[in-house]
Amino acid sequence: MICAVDATSRRRFLAALGLSTAATAAACSGDDDGGSAGSTGSAAGTEDAQSRPDVPEVPPDPGIGADPFTLGVASGDPLPDAVMLWTRLAPEPEAPDGGMPAEDLQVLWEVATDDDFEDVVATGTGPAPLDRAHAVRVDAEGLEPSSWYSYRFRIGEWTSQVGRTRTAPPAGADEPVDFGFASCQSFQSGWYNAWRDVAESDLDLVVFLGDYIYENASQPVDPAEGVVRPLGADNDEPECTTLEDYRRRYAIYRGDENLRAAHAAAPWLVVWDDHEVDNNYADLSSEKDGVSAEEFTARRAAAYRAWWESMPVRMPPPEGPDLEIDRTVDWGSVASFFLVDTRQFRADQACGDATFDLSPACDEVKGADRQFLGTAQEARLIGGLTGSRAAWNVIGNQTVMSPLVVGDAILNYDQWDGYPEARRRLLSAIDEAGLTNTVVISGDIHVAGVGEVQLGDGAGARTVATELVGTSISSDAPIPEDLSSLVTELLPWIQYFDARRGWTRCRVDSGEWTAEFRVVDDNLAEGQPVSTDATFTIRPDSPGAVPA
């Protein structure tokens, strides 16, 4: 087994990112369709120099003229023997062509056990195609399980920053996981203080639950109105509707150094929510009136393509407006992460998609045939949960599953509350299987919370899962912080509520889950500290969280 990044390397890695070295030392423990991209072999974990791969020649620079690695590097979807690697060549990231020549290129990629790349264990050349905005996606295979690695990309005289990634434990391994989850990072609404904290926290894994970009047009910068920085150099970005629009929006977001550092610090598991396409869209229905299905289909196809180009996810490219992103990632015997999509297959929101309306819910919401996950995805999720033998089943989900209702009023029809029959089917399957180890992690609503996910109503309701709701990285909270206590009084199954920005850290072993809610007091100022506001523990044999 390789201890690929030791304490000295960890400090040097953080220093290279311009971050503090407060985090402790790391513990020693293809292409686009999931195949390897030009690998020349691998020899992870061996001391035999003759078996190590020969490093190919660095592909030539066709006249790029400036550093093409402005958007950083990323890794994701780790397996015990492989991990997806990502970068995109863009010396002028906000330019329509990224400042790149109009031709397909090749990039050298390297994976090593040290950040000086003296021990390269996997390498090859990967495509940077013109029709994919010169995004590079490599499935680096032949690695050792439970091992940390450094990786980088090279073309001509240019070398990317060094990323740090790791493989998952082997099947059946009882190995803890220290992961963070986050969502909702409106670029204009606040600074990415939370991402700096994530990058410094020495995590095994980061789970991102959606709203990586916001599709809306630029707003005038006015801190008094909660708009703290320009969107793009000229702050005149239109609402995204075309592939070029979405590609540029991802480039603007990746221009943030704290976000790039968080990507470079650990592998990510990524799913989308609505703002990667259009606020509160449902299947092929736009939020806006008067948008035809044909028009929105083209927009969704562009958005899905840009998302796939921009993320280190192990899946084939989208086919037009369709892309199945639900998948399961196992962490030995400790956790199975079930990542779902609650946008692409759902029915349109009921009752006019009202929000914070205290009128009784309309009859439409009660329809038994209203889909939230879609029939195929729902069946895959239920089958995966009931067949899992992991200590923890983790549903990586976009919207809140715990009820947020007052009397007969549904406060937000965009969440699971707006699809009660779909929720009942899922929770009934969990209950009937006798599963007590399900934890739902959610985002979307820009507040942090802990909830008991209950089956049934009133005195007969019983808790069948625990929900941890992560607040936003930067997006505005829907209610003021001083109303937090009122929420827990009105909704007794909600144990914790906080309306500040931040992220959630989870330390998980086979016997206990500890959730730590990290918050930023003032996210309208850059460089603000991040602290722990509350900590909860969960046991796999008893759903529900307990304050630590």
Protein backbone atom coordinates (compact mmCIF):
# COMPACT_ATOMS: atom_id res chain seq x y z
CA MET A 1 0.00 0.00 0.00
CA ILE A 2 1.27 3.48 -0.91
CA CYS A 3 1.40 6.41 1.45
CA ALA A 4 1.61 8.70 -1.57
CA VAL A 5 1.66 12.11 0.12
CA ASP A 6 3.55 12.39 3.39
CA ALA A 7 3.42 15.27 5.89
CA THR A 8 6.15 17.26 4.15
CA SER A 9 4.48 16.86 0.78
CA ARG A 10 1.14 17.91 2.27
CA ARG A 11 2.62 21.15 3.58
CA ARG A 12 4.33 21.84 0.27
CA PHE A 13 1.08 21.11 -1.58
CA LEU A 14 -0.91 23.60 0.49
CA ALA A 15 1.86 26.16 0.19
CA ALA A 16 1.74 25.81 -3.57
CA LEU A 17 -1.97 26.65 -3.43
CA GLY A 18 -1.25 29.70 -1.29
CA LEU A 19 -3.12 28.20 1.65
CA SER A 20 -2.22 27.66 5.29
CA THR A 21 -0.69 24.42 6.50
CA ALA A 22 -3.01 24.04 9.46
CA ALA A 23 -4.39 20.77 8.10
CA THR A 24 -2.69 17.66 9.36
CA ALA A 25 -0.67 15.29 7.19
CA ALA A 26 -2.52 12.95 4.87
CA ALA A 27 -3.19 9.57 6.42
CA CYS A 28 -1.37 6.64 4.85
CA SER A 29 -3.87 4.15 4.60
CA GLY A 30 -9.98 7.85 -20.33
CA ASP A 31 -11.40 8.84 -21.84
CA ASP A 32 -14.95 10.25 -21.62
CA ASP A 33 -16.81 6.96 -21.56
CA GLY A 34 -14.86 5.64 -18.57
CA GLY A 35 -11.96 4.02 -20.43
CA SER A 36 -8.36 5.09 -20.01
CA ALA A 37 -7.07 7.87 -22.23
CA GLY A 38 -3.84 6.94 -23.92
CA SER A 39 -2.30 5.27 -20.86
CA THR A 40 1.14 3.81 -21.36
CA GLY A 41 0.80 1.53 -18.35
CA SER A 42 0.90 1.80 -14.61
CA ALA A 43 2.86 0.43 -11.69
CA ALA A 44 1.36 1.91 -8.58
CA GLY A 45 2.68 0.44 -5.38
CA THR A 46 5.82 -1.17 -6.80
CA GLU A 47 9.44 -0.41 -6.00
CA ASP A 48 10.67 -2.04 -9.20
CA ALA A 49 11.80 0.87 -11.35
CA GLN A 50 11.77 -1.29 -14.48
CA SER A 51 8.01 -1.81 -14.14
CA ARG A 52 7.20 1.86 -13.87
CA PRO A 53 5.61 3.43 -16.94
CA ASP A 54 7.67 5.31 -19.47
CA VAL A 55 6.59 8.95 -19.51
CA PRO A 56 5.59 9.93 -23.06
CA GLU A 57 6.96 13.06 -24.65
CA VAL A 58 5.12 16.22 -23.74
CA PRO A 59 2.80 17.11 -26.65
CA PRO A 60 3.92 20.25 -28.48
CA ASP A 61 2.41 23.68 -27.91
CA PRO A 62 0.73 24.76 -31.17
CA GLY A 63 1.23 28.43 -30.31
CA ILE A 64 -1.02 28.88 -27.28
CA GLY A 65 1.16 31.79 -26.14
CA ALA A 66 0.08 31.92 -22.47
CA ASP A 67 -0.61 29.59 -19.54
CA PRO A 68 -3.54 27.40 -20.67
CA PHE A 69 -4.21 25.95 -17.18
CA THR A 70 -6.01 28.98 -15.76
CA LEU A 71 -9.03 26.89 -14.67
CA GLY A 72 -7.03 24.55 -12.48
CA VAL A 73 -7.41 20.80 -12.12
CA ALA A 74 -9.94 18.46 -10.57
CA SER A 75 -10.51 14.78 -9.82
CA GLY A 76 -13.55 12.73 -8.99
CA ASP A 77 -15.58 9.50 -8.87
CA PRO A 78 -12.80 7.47 -7.20
CA LEU A 79 -12.72 3.69 -7.48
CA PRO A 80 -10.31 1.38 -5.64
CA ASP A 81 -8.06 1.32 -8.71
CA ALA A 82 -8.93 4.47 -10.67
CA VAL A 83 -9.95 8.10 -10.48
CA MET A 84 -11.19 10.61 -13.04
CA LEU A 85 -8.86 13.56 -13.76
CA TRP A 86 -9.93 16.85 -15.33
CA THR A 87 -8.57 20.10 -16.68
CA ARG A 88 -9.45 22.48 -19.50
CA LEU A 89 -7.09 24.46 -21.69
CA ALA A 90 -8.14 28.13 -21.65
CA PRO A 91 -5.46 30.86 -21.60
CA GLU A 92 -8.30 33.39 -22.03
CA PRO A 93 -11.08 31.67 -20.08
CA GLU A 94 -13.82 34.24 -20.77
CA ALA A 95 -13.16 34.34 -24.52
CA PRO A 96 -15.60 32.34 -26.68
CA ASP A 97 -12.83 29.97 -27.73
CA GLY A 98 -10.92 30.14 -24.47
CA GLY A 99 -8.08 31.78 -26.36
CA MET A 100 -7.20 28.43 -27.91
CA PRO A 101 -6.35 27.49 -31.50
CA ALA A 102 -9.15 25.86 -33.47
CA GLU A 103 -7.74 22.34 -33.46
CA ASP A 104 -7.78 19.13 -31.45
CA LEU A 105 -4.85 18.81 -29.06
CA GLN A 106 -3.20 16.25 -26.81
CA VAL A 107 -2.08 16.77 -23.21
CA LEU A 108 0.30 14.70 -21.10
CA TRP A 109 -1.10 13.56 -17.76
CA GLU A 110 0.88 12.12 -14.88
CA VAL A 111 -0.01 10.48 -11.57
CA ALA A 112 2.74 10.13 -8.96
CA THR A 113 3.24 9.08 -5.37
CA ASP A 114 5.00 12.39 -4.62
CA ASP A 115 4.37 16.01 -5.54
CA ASP A 116 7.79 16.31 -7.22
CA PHE A 117 6.79 13.55 -9.68
CA GLU A 118 9.93 11.55 -9.11
CA ASP A 119 7.81 8.39 -8.79
CA VAL A 120 5.30 8.50 -11.66
CA VAL A 121 3.03 5.45 -11.48
CA ALA A 122 0.54 6.15 -14.27
CA THR A 123 0.82 8.40 -17.30
CA GLY A 124 -0.31 8.90 -20.85
CA THR A 125 -1.65 11.42 -23.31
CA GLY A 126 -5.26 12.47 -23.25
CA PRO A 127 -7.35 14.33 -25.83
CA ALA A 128 -8.26 17.99 -25.51
CA PRO A 129 -10.81 18.16 -28.35
CA LEU A 130 -11.94 21.37 -29.97
CA ASP A 131 -15.59 20.30 -29.87
CA ARG A 132 -15.33 19.93 -26.09
CA ALA A 133 -13.82 23.35 -25.50
CA HIS A 134 -10.42 21.64 -25.01
CA ALA A 135 -11.60 19.97 -21.80
CA VAL A 136 -9.39 17.04 -20.80
CA ARG A 137 -11.02 14.07 -19.08
CA VAL A 138 -8.89 11.06 -18.14
CA ASP A 139 -9.78 7.87 -16.30
CA ALA A 140 -6.46 7.14 -14.59
CA GLU A 141 -6.45 3.40 -14.00
CA GLY A 142 -4.17 0.80 -12.43
CA LEU A 143 -3.82 2.60 -9.10
CA GLU A 144 -3.63 1.13 -5.61
CA PRO A 145 -6.69 1.27 -3.31
CA SER A 146 -6.79 3.58 -0.29
CA SER A 147 -3.87 5.60 -1.65
CA TRP A 148 -3.13 9.30 -2.07
CA TYR A 149 -1.59 10.60 -5.30
CA SER A 150 -0.44 13.80 -6.93
CA TYR A 151 -1.39 14.52 -10.55
CA ARG A 152 -0.75 17.15 -13.19
CA PHE A 153 -1.08 17.96 -16.89
CA ARG A 154 1.49 19.26 -19.37
CA ILE A 155 1.55 20.66 -22.90
CA GLY A 156 4.54 22.33 -24.52
CA GLU A 157 6.31 24.49 -21.94
CA TRP A 158 3.20 24.68 -19.74
CA THR A 159 2.52 22.62 -16.62
CA SER A 160 -0.69 22.74 -14.60
CA GLN A 161 -0.89 23.18 -10.87
CA VAL A 162 -0.53 19.93 -8.95
CA GLY A 163 -3.72 18.26 -7.78
CA ARG A 164 -4.10 15.84 -4.90
CA THR A 165 -6.42 12.87 -5.14
CA ARG A 166 -7.01 9.42 -3.71
CA THR A 167 -8.56 6.09 -4.54
CA ALA A 168 -11.40 4.46 -2.66
CA PRO A 169 -10.82 1.53 -0.28
CA PRO A 170 -11.14 -2.00 -1.65
CA ALA A 171 -14.49 -3.74 -1.44
CA GLY A 172 -15.25 -4.84 2.11
CA ALA A 173 -12.59 -2.67 3.75
CA ASP A 174 -13.69 -1.16 7.07
CA GLU A 175 -12.02 2.20 6.40
CA PRO A 176 -13.41 5.50 7.77
CA VAL A 177 -14.18 8.39 5.43
CA ASP A 178 -13.79 12.08 6.22
CA PHE A 179 -15.84 14.00 3.68
CA GLY A 180 -17.47 17.36 3.22
CA PHE A 181 -20.61 18.29 1.33
CA ALA A 182 -21.71 21.61 -0.06
CA SER A 183 -23.98 23.26 -2.62
CA CYS A 184 -25.20 26.57 -4.04
CA GLN A 185 -22.35 28.94 -4.86
CA SER A 186 -23.81 32.03 -6.52
CA PHE A 187 -20.70 33.90 -7.68
CA GLN A 188 -22.07 37.38 -7.15
CA SER A 189 -23.77 36.75 -3.80
CA GLY A 190 -20.73 36.21 -1.62
CA TRP A 191 -17.12 35.15 -1.33
CA TYR A 192 -15.89 31.55 -1.36
CA ASN A 193 -14.55 31.62 2.19
CA ALA A 194 -16.02 28.16 2.77
CA TRP A 195 -14.05 26.69 -0.13
CA ARG A 196 -10.81 27.93 1.41
CA ASP A 197 -11.75 26.08 4.59
CA VAL A 198 -12.59 22.93 2.62
CA ALA A 199 -9.21 23.06 0.85
CA GLU A 200 -7.40 23.30 4.18
CA SER A 201 -9.37 20.51 5.89
CA ASP A 202 -7.53 17.44 4.58
CA LEU A 203 -10.68 15.61 3.44
CA ASP A 204 -10.91 12.24 1.71
CA LEU A 205 -13.80 13.35 -0.46
CA VAL A 206 -16.01 16.32 -1.34
CA VAL A 207 -19.66 15.82 -2.35
CA PHE A 208 -21.25 18.68 -4.29
CA LEU A 209 -25.06 18.61 -4.40
CA GLY A 210 -25.85 21.12 -7.11
CA ASP A 211 -26.10 24.76 -8.17
CA TYR A 212 -22.44 24.89 -9.17
CA ILE A 213 -23.24 27.87 -11.40
CA TYR A 214 -26.17 30.26 -11.48
CA GLU A 215 -27.55 30.87 -14.94
CA ASN A 216 -28.97 34.35 -14.35
CA ALA A 217 -27.64 37.56 -15.89
CA SER A 218 -25.18 39.86 -14.14
CA GLN A 219 -26.45 42.17 -11.41
CA PRO A 220 -24.94 45.56 -10.49
CA VAL A 221 -22.36 45.18 -7.74
CA ASP A 222 -23.84 46.58 -4.53
CA PRO A 223 -22.78 44.98 -1.23
CA ALA A 224 -25.75 46.63 0.46
CA GLU A 225 -27.95 44.52 -1.82
CA GLY A 226 -25.84 41.40 -1.32
CA VAL A 227 -24.04 41.57 -4.67
CA VAL A 228 -20.36 41.63 -3.80
CA ARG A 229 -18.40 41.05 -7.00
CA PRO A 230 -18.77 41.33 -10.77
CA LEU A 231 -19.73 38.38 -12.95
CA GLY A 232 -17.03 38.41 -15.59
CA ALA A 233 -14.59 41.16 -16.46
CA ASP A 234 -17.28 43.57 -17.68
CA ASN A 235 -20.14 42.38 -15.45
CA ASP A 236 -22.46 42.27 -18.45
CA GLU A 237 -23.10 38.55 -18.74
CA PRO A 238 -26.51 37.60 -20.18
CA GLU A 239 -28.62 34.78 -18.81
CA CYS A 240 -27.17 31.49 -20.02
CA THR A 241 -29.09 29.80 -22.82
CA THR A 242 -26.42 28.57 -25.28
CA LEU A 243 -23.47 26.20 -25.01
CA GLU A 244 -21.08 29.15 -25.30
CA ASP A 245 -22.91 30.94 -22.46
CA TYR A 246 -22.71 27.97 -20.10
CA ARG A 247 -19.07 27.25 -20.93
CA ARG A 248 -18.13 30.85 -20.15
CA ARG A 249 -20.09 30.77 -16.89
CA TYR A 250 -18.18 27.71 -15.66
CA ALA A 251 -14.93 29.44 -16.62
CA ILE A 252 -15.86 32.54 -14.62
CA TYR A 253 -16.68 30.46 -11.55
CA ARG A 254 -13.48 28.44 -11.82
CA GLY A 255 -11.60 31.73 -11.84
CA ASP A 256 -12.01 31.83 -8.05
CA GLU A 257 -8.78 30.66 -6.41
CA ASN A 258 -10.53 29.13 -3.38
CA LEU A 259 -12.77 27.00 -5.58
CA ARG A 260 -9.77 25.85 -7.62
CA ALA A 261 -7.93 24.98 -4.40
CA ALA A 262 -10.85 22.90 -3.12
CA HIS A 263 -10.96 20.99 -6.40
CA ALA A 264 -7.21 20.38 -6.27
CA ALA A 265 -7.24 19.14 -2.66
CA ALA A 266 -9.40 15.98 -2.92
CA PRO A 267 -11.62 14.00 -5.30
CA TRP A 268 -15.22 15.17 -5.75
CA LEU A 269 -18.58 13.51 -6.30
CA VAL A 270 -20.77 15.93 -8.24
CA VAL A 271 -24.45 16.11 -9.15
CA TRP A 272 -26.44 19.02 -10.50
CA ASP A 273 -29.58 20.86 -9.34
CA ASP A 274 -31.62 23.47 -11.20
CA HIS A 275 -29.35 26.48 -11.70
CA GLU A 276 -26.97 24.51 -13.90
CA VAL A 277 -29.82 24.90 -16.42
CA ASP A 278 -32.67 27.16 -15.29
CA ASN A 279 -34.12 27.97 -11.87
CA ASN A 280 -36.79 25.45 -10.77
CA TYR A 281 -36.96 23.72 -14.14
CA ALA A 282 -38.69 20.33 -14.20
CA ASP A 283 -37.93 17.80 -16.94
CA LEU A 284 -38.45 19.82 -20.15
CA SER A 285 -40.47 22.61 -18.52
CA SER A 286 -38.82 25.98 -18.04
CA GLU A 287 -39.58 28.16 -15.06
CA LYS A 288 -40.52 30.94 -17.47
CA ASP A 289 -43.86 31.18 -19.24
CA GLY A 290 -43.95 31.13 -23.03
CA VAL A 291 -40.86 28.94 -23.52
CA SER A 292 -41.63 26.08 -25.91
CA ALA A 293 -40.55 22.52 -25.19
CA GLU A 294 -38.39 22.62 -28.33
CA GLU A 295 -36.62 25.78 -27.20
CA PHE A 296 -36.04 24.48 -23.70
CA THR A 297 -34.84 21.11 -25.00
CA ALA A 298 -32.05 22.88 -26.90
CA ARG A 299 -31.16 24.90 -23.80
CA ARG A 300 -31.05 21.82 -21.58
CA ALA A 301 -28.86 20.01 -24.09
CA ALA A 302 -26.38 22.91 -24.05
CA ALA A 303 -26.40 23.09 -20.25
CA TYR A 304 -25.89 19.35 -19.77
CA ARG A 305 -23.05 19.33 -22.28
CA ALA A 306 -21.25 22.21 -20.53
CA TRP A 307 -21.71 20.54 -17.12
CA TRP A 308 -20.30 17.24 -18.38
CA GLU A 309 -17.34 19.01 -19.99
CA SER A 310 -16.61 20.82 -16.72
CA MET A 311 -16.80 17.99 -14.16
CA PRO A 312 -14.58 14.99 -13.32
CA VAL A 313 -17.44 12.51 -13.57
CA ARG A 314 -17.23 8.96 -14.89
CA MET A 315 -20.04 8.83 -17.42
CA PRO A 316 -20.44 9.01 -21.20
CA PRO A 317 -21.24 12.37 -22.80
CA PRO A 318 -24.86 13.50 -22.93
CA GLU A 319 -27.06 12.50 -25.82
CA GLY A 320 -28.78 15.75 -26.69
CA PRO A 321 -30.86 16.89 -23.69
CA ASP A 322 -30.44 13.60 -21.76
CA LEU A 323 -27.75 12.45 -19.34
CA GLU A 324 -28.15 9.90 -16.55
CA ILE A 325 -26.04 11.15 -13.65
CA ASP A 326 -27.36 8.94 -10.84
CA ARG A 327 -24.72 6.49 -9.69
CA THR A 328 -23.38 4.67 -6.65
CA VAL A 329 -19.88 5.16 -5.24
CA ASP A 330 -18.77 2.71 -2.55
CA TRP A 331 -16.29 3.48 0.22
CA GLY A 332 -15.31 -0.03 1.25
CA SER A 333 -17.84 -1.49 3.67
CA VAL A 334 -18.37 1.80 5.52
CA ALA A 335 -20.53 3.80 3.11
CA SER A 336 -22.37 3.59 -0.17
CA PHE A 337 -23.06 6.99 -1.73
CA PHE A 338 -26.24 6.96 -3.84
CA LEU A 339 -26.09 10.11 -5.97
CA VAL A 340 -29.45 11.04 -7.49
CA ASP A 341 -30.97 13.52 -9.94
CA THR A 342 -34.17 15.26 -8.84
CA ARG A 343 -34.53 17.53 -11.90
CA GLN A 344 -34.42 15.63 -15.16
CA PHE A 345 -37.32 13.24 -14.61
CA ARG A 346 -39.67 15.07 -12.25
CA ALA A 347 -43.21 16.25 -12.95
CA ASP A 348 -43.74 19.99 -13.10
CA GLN A 349 -44.19 21.65 -9.71
CA ALA A 350 -47.76 21.57 -8.45
CA CYS A 351 -50.02 24.41 -7.32
CA GLY A 352 -48.26 27.08 -9.38
CA ASP A 353 -44.93 26.37 -7.64
CA ALA A 354 -45.93 28.67 -4.80
CA THR A 355 -43.34 29.48 -2.14
CA PHE A 356 -44.05 30.47 1.48
CA ASP A 357 -47.78 30.49 0.73
CA LEU A 358 -49.79 29.51 3.83
CA SER A 359 -52.83 28.42 1.80
CA PRO A 360 -53.75 24.72 2.04
CA ALA A 361 -52.06 22.58 -0.57
CA CYS A 362 -54.05 22.04 -3.76
CA ASP A 363 -55.26 18.57 -4.79
CA GLU A 364 -52.78 18.35 -7.67
CA VAL A 365 -49.88 17.71 -5.30
CA LYS A 366 -51.47 14.47 -4.07
CA GLY A 367 -51.38 12.72 -7.44
CA ALA A 368 -50.03 9.18 -7.10
CA ASP A 369 -48.44 9.26 -10.55
CA ARG A 370 -46.39 12.43 -9.96
CA GLN A 371 -42.73 11.49 -10.40
CA PHE A 372 -39.78 13.08 -8.65
CA LEU A 373 -36.93 10.71 -9.55
CA GLY A 374 -38.65 9.03 -12.48
CA THR A 375 -39.68 5.38 -12.41
CA ALA A 376 -36.35 3.94 -13.59
CA GLN A 377 -34.16 6.00 -11.27
CA GLU A 378 -36.49 5.40 -8.32
CA ALA A 379 -36.27 1.65 -8.90
CA ARG A 380 -32.47 1.79 -9.12
CA LEU A 381 -32.25 3.77 -5.88
CA ILE A 382 -34.60 1.48 -3.95
CA GLY A 383 -32.85 -1.60 -5.29
CA GLY A 384 -29.46 -0.21 -4.35
CA LEU A 385 -30.54 0.76 -0.85
CA THR A 386 -32.26 -2.51 -0.04
CA GLY A 387 -29.39 -4.56 -1.48
CA SER A 388 -26.62 -2.58 0.22
CA ARG A 389 -24.45 -4.18 2.88
CA ALA A 390 -22.60 -0.98 3.80
CA ALA A 391 -22.62 0.34 7.35
CA TRP A 392 -24.16 3.57 6.01
CA ASN A 393 -26.41 4.27 3.03
CA VAL A 394 -25.94 7.89 1.97
CA ILE A 395 -28.44 9.50 -0.41
CA GLY A 396 -26.77 12.47 -2.09
CA ASN A 397 -29.83 14.50 -2.96
CA GLN A 398 -30.52 18.05 -4.06
CA THR A 399 -33.64 19.17 -2.21
CA VAL A 400 -34.92 18.83 1.36
CA MET A 401 -36.69 15.55 2.13
CA SER A 402 -37.87 16.37 5.67
CA PRO A 403 -41.31 18.03 5.72
CA LEU A 404 -41.34 21.82 5.76
CA VAL A 405 -45.07 22.27 6.21
CA VAL A 406 -47.24 24.41 8.47
CA GLY A 407 -50.65 22.86 8.98
CA ASP A 408 -51.95 22.00 5.51
CA ALA A 409 -49.64 24.47 3.79
CA ILE A 410 -46.59 23.36 1.81
CA LEU A 411 -43.95 26.08 2.02
CA ASN A 412 -41.95 24.98 -1.04
CA TYR A 413 -43.41 22.84 -3.82
CA ASP A 414 -40.01 22.45 -5.45
CA GLN A 415 -38.80 20.13 -2.66
CA TRP A 416 -39.86 16.58 -1.76
CA ASP A 417 -42.93 18.12 -0.05
CA GLY A 418 -44.30 18.83 -3.52
CA TYR A 419 -44.07 15.13 -4.42
CA PRO A 420 -45.41 13.36 -1.31
CA GLU A 421 -46.26 10.04 -3.01
CA ALA A 422 -42.74 9.70 -4.42
CA ARG A 423 -41.35 10.35 -0.94
CA ARG A 424 -43.75 7.86 0.63
CA ARG A 425 -42.71 5.12 -1.82
CA LEU A 426 -39.02 5.66 -1.05
CA LEU A 427 -39.44 5.83 2.72
CA SER A 428 -41.77 2.82 2.76
CA ALA A 429 -39.15 0.77 0.93
CA ILE A 430 -36.50 1.82 3.46
CA ASP A 431 -38.84 1.01 6.36
CA GLU A 432 -39.99 -2.33 5.01
CA ALA A 433 -36.38 -3.41 4.46
CA GLY A 434 -35.63 -2.64 8.10
CA LEU A 435 -32.89 -0.17 7.20
CA THR A 436 -31.87 2.10 10.07
CA ASN A 437 -28.65 3.44 8.53
CA THR A 438 -29.92 5.82 5.85
CA VAL A 439 -28.59 9.38 5.91
CA VAL A 440 -29.89 11.91 3.39
CA ILE A 441 -27.55 14.81 2.59
CA SER A 442 -29.25 17.75 0.90
CA GLY A 443 -28.68 21.30 -0.29
CA ASP A 444 -30.74 23.79 -2.34
CA ILE A 445 -32.35 25.97 0.35
CA HIS A 446 -29.26 27.92 1.54
CA VAL A 447 -29.66 27.06 5.22
CA ALA A 448 -28.17 24.33 7.40
CA GLY A 449 -30.32 21.87 9.29
CA VAL A 450 -30.73 18.47 10.86
CA GLY A 451 -34.02 16.67 10.44
CA GLU A 452 -35.78 13.42 11.19
CA VAL A 453 -37.21 12.00 7.96
CA GLN A 454 -40.53 10.49 9.03
CA LEU A 455 -42.96 8.07 7.45
CA GLY A 456 -46.60 8.73 8.28
CA ASP A 457 -48.29 11.67 9.97
CA GLY A 458 -49.15 12.77 13.46
CA ALA A 459 -48.79 10.39 16.38
CA GLY A 460 -48.16 7.45 14.06
CA ALA A 461 -45.16 9.01 12.32
CA ARG A 462 -41.86 7.22 12.80
CA THR A 463 -38.35 8.28 11.88
CA VAL A 464 -36.80 6.10 9.16
CA ALA A 465 -33.81 8.23 8.11
CA THR A 466 -31.69 11.16 9.19
CA GLU A 467 -31.31 14.25 7.04
CA LEU A 468 -28.37 16.63 7.10
CA VAL A 469 -29.09 19.80 5.15
CA GLY A 470 -26.03 21.76 4.13
CA THR A 471 -26.17 25.51 3.80
CA SER A 472 -24.89 27.34 0.72
CA ILE A 473 -21.30 28.24 -0.05
CA SER A 474 -22.36 31.79 -0.97
CA SER A 475 -26.00 31.99 -2.10
CA ASP A 476 -28.39 34.15 -0.04
CA ALA A 477 -30.49 32.62 2.74
CA PRO A 478 -34.27 32.70 2.15
CA ILE A 479 -35.03 33.85 5.72
CA PRO A 480 -33.14 35.95 8.28
CA GLU A 481 -30.84 34.25 10.77
CA ASP A 482 -32.81 35.61 13.74
CA LEU A 483 -35.81 33.42 12.79
CA SER A 484 -33.87 30.19 13.28
CA SER A 485 -35.40 29.41 16.67
CA LEU A 486 -38.89 29.91 15.25
CA VAL A 487 -38.28 27.21 12.63
CA THR A 488 -37.38 24.57 15.23
CA GLU A 489 -40.39 25.56 17.33
CA LEU A 490 -42.84 25.25 14.41
CA LEU A 491 -41.25 22.06 13.03
CA PRO A 492 -40.31 19.82 15.99
CA TRP A 493 -38.75 17.15 13.74
CA ILE A 494 -36.12 19.76 12.74
CA GLN A 495 -33.41 19.60 15.41
CA TYR A 496 -31.10 22.30 14.09
CA PHE A 497 -31.38 25.30 11.80
CA ASP A 498 -28.85 27.98 10.86
CA ALA A 499 -29.03 30.55 8.04
CA ARG A 500 -25.35 31.44 7.62
CA ARG A 501 -23.08 30.39 4.76
CA GLY A 502 -20.69 27.44 5.01
CA TRP A 503 -20.40 23.68 4.50
CA THR A 504 -20.76 20.41 6.41
CA ARG A 505 -17.96 18.05 7.45
CA CYS A 506 -18.74 14.39 8.13
CA ARG A 507 -16.40 11.96 9.88
CA VAL A 508 -17.81 8.50 9.36
CA ASP A 509 -16.77 5.04 10.52
CA SER A 510 -18.77 1.83 10.71
CA GLY A 511 -20.08 2.64 14.19
CA GLU A 512 -20.69 6.40 14.24
CA TRP A 513 -21.27 9.42 12.02
CA THR A 514 -20.20 12.86 13.26
CA ALA A 515 -21.52 15.89 11.36
CA GLU A 516 -19.87 19.25 11.93
CA PHE A 517 -21.61 22.38 10.60
CA ARG A 518 -18.99 24.93 9.53
CA VAL A 519 -20.22 28.54 9.19
CA VAL A 520 -19.02 31.98 8.07
CA ASP A 521 -20.40 34.87 10.09
CA ASP A 522 -19.98 37.50 7.35
CA ASN A 523 -19.72 36.11 3.84
CA LEU A 524 -20.01 39.55 2.21
CA ALA A 525 -16.34 40.10 3.14
CA GLU A 526 -13.45 38.21 1.62
CA GLY A 527 -11.07 36.24 3.82
CA GLN A 528 -13.46 35.75 6.73
CA PRO A 529 -12.85 32.90 9.21
CA VAL A 530 -14.87 29.70 9.27
CA SER A 531 -15.86 28.05 12.55
CA THR A 532 -17.93 25.15 13.84
CA ASP A 533 -21.43 26.13 14.96
CA ALA A 534 -22.85 22.72 15.91
CA THR A 535 -21.92 19.04 15.90
CA PHE A 536 -24.27 16.04 15.77
CA THR A 537 -23.73 12.30 15.94
CA ILE A 538 -25.72 9.47 14.34
CA ARG A 539 -25.67 5.74 15.01
CA PRO A 540 -26.33 3.26 12.19
CA ASP A 541 -28.77 1.23 14.31
CA SER A 542 -31.01 4.17 15.22
CA PRO A 543 -32.16 6.87 12.75
CA GLY A 544 -32.01 10.41 14.07
CA ALA A 545 -29.17 12.67 15.16
CA VAL A 546 -28.05 13.63 18.64
CA PRO A 547 -26.23 16.89 19.52
CA ALA A 548 -22.62 16.14 20.39
